[in-house]
Amino acid sequence: MKFYENETSINNKFLRKRATRAYTRGMKHKAICRKKALDSQINDKNNPWYKHDGQYSKGKIRCNCPICKYSKHYNVPSDKDIAEKKYVKQAIEEYYIDITETAEISA
């Protein structure tokens, strides 16, 4: 007796293998090592950002100092913002050129 039309797909959902605890632990360790390496490049090795390794896995390492966030503190547009504005301006110009060309053709 089938309760659902596609009962096999529902059963396959529950039969799927989960990641083992060892795999999850390894991925967590990899992320911790990456963040610790960033920390050691920025800060002194004797003065780490966090006290314990597990704290690196909790979230992102952020720095809000004026050197790292220059454009935010001093209201200067970043290179990415400038490139994005240039792209939008070019797209608008191309759009208006296409409109004028189609208007000339239809007239």
C-alpha atoms as a PDB file:
ATOM      1  CA  MET A   1       0.000   0.000   0.000  1.00  0.00           C
ATOM      2  CA  LYS A   2       1.508   3.319  -1.119  1.00  0.00           C
ATOM      3  CA  PHE A   3       0.605   6.495   0.717  1.00  0.00           C
ATOM      4  CA  TYR A   4       2.566   8.681  -1.660  1.00  0.00           C
ATOM      5  CA  GLU A   5       2.931   8.512  -5.418  1.00  0.00           C
ATOM      6  CA  ASN A   6       6.684   8.590  -5.281  1.00  0.00           C
ATOM      7  CA  GLU A   7       7.361   6.631  -2.108  1.00  0.00           C
ATOM      8  CA  THR A   8      10.831   5.487  -3.141  1.00  0.00           C
ATOM      9  CA  SER A   9      12.160   9.062  -3.254  1.00  0.00           C
ATOM     10  CA  ILE A  10      10.890   9.676   0.273  1.00  0.00           C
ATOM     11  CA  ASN A  11      12.625   6.531   1.544  1.00  0.00           C
ATOM     12  CA  ASN A  12      15.871   7.447  -0.239  1.00  0.00           C
ATOM     13  CA  LYS A  13      15.919  10.726   1.645  1.00  0.00           C
ATOM     14  CA  PHE A  14      16.213   8.854   4.933  1.00  0.00           C
ATOM     15  CA  LEU A  15      18.701   6.279   3.623  1.00  0.00           C
ATOM     16  CA  ARG A  16      21.226   8.892   2.528  1.00  0.00           C
ATOM     17  CA  LYS A  17      24.537   8.709   4.393  1.00  0.00           C
ATOM     18  CA  ARG A  18      25.499  11.526   6.695  1.00  0.00           C
ATOM     19  CA  ALA A  19      29.010  12.862   7.001  1.00  0.00           C
ATOM     20  CA  THR A  20      30.906  11.015   9.674  1.00  0.00           C
ATOM     21  CA  ARG A  21      32.031  12.770  12.812  1.00  0.00           C
ATOM     22  CA  ALA A  22      35.645  12.327  11.748  1.00  0.00           C
ATOM     23  CA  TYR A  23      34.977  14.069   8.424  1.00  0.00           C
ATOM     24  CA  THR A  24      33.166  16.942  10.142  1.00  0.00           C
ATOM     25  CA  ARG A  25      35.954  17.265  12.702  1.00  0.00           C
ATOM     26  CA  GLY A  26      38.545  17.363   9.900  1.00  0.00           C
ATOM     27  CA  MET A  27      36.684  20.101   8.028  1.00  0.00           C
ATOM     28  CA  LYS A  28      36.373  22.118  11.223  1.00  0.00           C
ATOM     29  CA  HIS A  29      40.098  21.698  11.881  1.00  0.00           C
ATOM     30  CA  LYS A  30      40.880  22.830   8.325  1.00  0.00           C
ATOM     31  CA  ALA A  31      38.838  26.011   8.811  1.00  0.00           C
ATOM     32  CA  ILE A  32      40.514  26.679  12.170  1.00  0.00           C
ATOM     33  CA  CYS A  33      43.991  26.267  10.651  1.00  0.00           C
ATOM     34  CA  ARG A  34      43.152  28.649   7.799  1.00  0.00           C
ATOM     35  CA  LYS A  35      41.900  31.325  10.200  1.00  0.00           C
ATOM     36  CA  LYS A  36      44.861  30.837  12.524  1.00  0.00           C
ATOM     37  CA  ALA A  37      47.227  31.295   9.585  1.00  0.00           C
ATOM     38  CA  LEU A  38      45.509  34.580   8.705  1.00  0.00           C
ATOM     39  CA  ASP A  39      45.762  35.629  12.328  1.00  0.00           C
ATOM     40  CA  SER A  40      49.459  34.796  12.523  1.00  0.00           C
ATOM     41  CA  GLN A  41      50.129  36.832   9.353  1.00  0.00           C
ATOM     42  CA  ILE A  42      48.364  39.890  10.752  1.00  0.00           C
ATOM     43  CA  ASN A  43      49.137  39.700  14.469  1.00  0.00           C
ATOM     44  CA  ASP A  44      52.163  38.721  16.482  1.00  0.00           C
ATOM     45  CA  LYS A  45      52.401  34.952  17.053  1.00  0.00           C
ATOM     46  CA  ASN A  46      52.861  35.540  20.788  1.00  0.00           C
ATOM     47  CA  ASN A  47      49.685  37.620  20.915  1.00  0.00           C
ATOM     48  CA  PRO A  48      46.955  35.698  19.020  1.00  0.00           C
ATOM     49  CA  TRP A  49      43.496  37.072  18.301  1.00  0.00           C
ATOM     50  CA  TYR A  50      41.738  34.303  20.262  1.00  0.00           C
ATOM     51  CA  LYS A  51      42.802  32.435  23.362  1.00  0.00           C
ATOM     52  CA  HIS A  52      41.663  28.929  22.297  1.00  0.00           C
ATOM     53  CA  ASP A  53      41.601  27.261  18.879  1.00  0.00           C
ATOM     54  CA  GLY A  54      37.885  26.463  19.055  1.00  0.00           C
ATOM     55  CA  GLN A  55      37.061  30.159  19.036  1.00  0.00           C
ATOM     56  CA  TYR A  56      38.327  30.438  15.458  1.00  0.00           C
ATOM     57  CA  SER A  57      35.596  28.062  14.275  1.00  0.00           C
ATOM     58  CA  LYS A  58      32.758  30.160  15.689  1.00  0.00           C
ATOM     59  CA  GLY A  59      32.679  32.778  12.974  1.00  0.00           C
ATOM     60  CA  LYS A  60      34.634  35.164  10.842  1.00  0.00           C
ATOM     61  CA  ILE A  61      37.766  36.993  11.834  1.00  0.00           C
ATOM     62  CA  ARG A  62      36.897  40.619  11.464  1.00  0.00           C
ATOM     63  CA  CYS A  63      38.974  43.728  11.694  1.00  0.00           C
ATOM     64  CA  ASN A  64      37.256  47.106  11.768  1.00  0.00           C
ATOM     65  CA  CYS A  65      40.358  49.241  12.033  1.00  0.00           C
ATOM     66  CA  PRO A  66      40.614  52.310   9.757  1.00  0.00           C
ATOM     67  CA  ILE A  67      43.463  50.702   7.811  1.00  0.00           C
ATOM     68  CA  CYS A  68      41.449  47.624   6.792  1.00  0.00           C
ATOM     69  CA  LYS A  69      38.139  49.443   6.290  1.00  0.00           C
ATOM     70  CA  TYR A  70      39.480  52.655   4.782  1.00  0.00           C
ATOM     71  CA  SER A  71      36.543  53.299   2.476  1.00  0.00           C
ATOM     72  CA  LYS A  72      34.024  52.694   5.259  1.00  0.00           C
ATOM     73  CA  HIS A  73      35.640  55.035   7.784  1.00  0.00           C
ATOM     74  CA  TYR A  74      36.501  57.857   5.407  1.00  0.00           C
ATOM     75  CA  ASN A  75      33.561  57.565   2.947  1.00  0.00           C
ATOM     76  CA  VAL A  76      35.848  56.936  -0.018  1.00  0.00           C
ATOM     77  CA  PRO A  77      34.484  54.599  -2.712  1.00  0.00           C
ATOM     78  CA  SER A  78      36.393  51.363  -3.097  1.00  0.00           C
ATOM     79  CA  ASP A  79      37.759  50.076  -6.404  1.00  0.00           C
ATOM     80  CA  LYS A  80      34.878  47.620  -6.602  1.00  0.00           C
ATOM     81  CA  ASP A  81      32.317  50.428  -6.194  1.00  0.00           C
ATOM     82  CA  ILE A  82      34.015  52.514  -8.888  1.00  0.00           C
ATOM     83  CA  ALA A  83      34.076  49.582 -11.334  1.00  0.00           C
ATOM     84  CA  GLU A  84      30.417  48.814 -10.609  1.00  0.00           C
ATOM     85  CA  LYS A  85      29.369  52.421 -11.268  1.00  0.00           C
ATOM     86  CA  LYS A  86      31.336  52.427 -14.522  1.00  0.00           C
ATOM     87  CA  TYR A  87      29.638  49.187 -15.624  1.00  0.00           C
ATOM     88  CA  VAL A  88      26.155  50.535 -14.824  1.00  0.00           C
ATOM     89  CA  LYS A  89      26.864  53.800 -16.642  1.00  0.00           C
ATOM     90  CA  GLN A  90      28.075  51.914 -19.722  1.00  0.00           C
ATOM     91  CA  ALA A  91      25.009  49.647 -19.678  1.00  0.00           C
ATOM     92  CA  ILE A  92      22.672  52.651 -19.505  1.00  0.00           C
ATOM     93  CA  GLU A  93      24.472  54.363 -22.397  1.00  0.00           C
ATOM     94  CA  GLU A  94      24.226  51.220 -24.538  1.00  0.00           C
ATOM     95  CA  TYR A  95      20.530  50.920 -23.681  1.00  0.00           C
ATOM     96  CA  TYR A  96      19.802  54.486 -24.828  1.00  0.00           C
ATOM     97  CA  ILE A  97      21.858  54.016 -27.997  1.00  0.00           C
ATOM     98  CA  ASP A  98      19.793  50.912 -28.830  1.00  0.00           C
ATOM     99  CA  ILE A  99      16.543  52.808 -28.190  1.00  0.00           C
ATOM    100  CA  THR A 100      17.527  55.682 -30.473  1.00  0.00           C
ATOM    101  CA  GLU A 101      18.632  53.292 -33.221  1.00  0.00           C
ATOM    102  CA  THR A 102      15.357  51.368 -33.126  1.00  0.00           C
ATOM    103  CA  ALA A 103      13.400  54.650 -33.108  1.00  0.00           C
ATOM    104  CA  GLU A 104      15.266  55.843 -36.214  1.00  0.00           C
ATOM    105  CA  ILE A 105      14.670  52.549 -38.002  1.00  0.00           C
ATOM    106  CA  SER A 106      10.945  52.518 -37.250  1.00  0.00           C
ATOM    107  CA  ALA A 107      10.486  56.191 -38.211  1.00  0.00           C
END
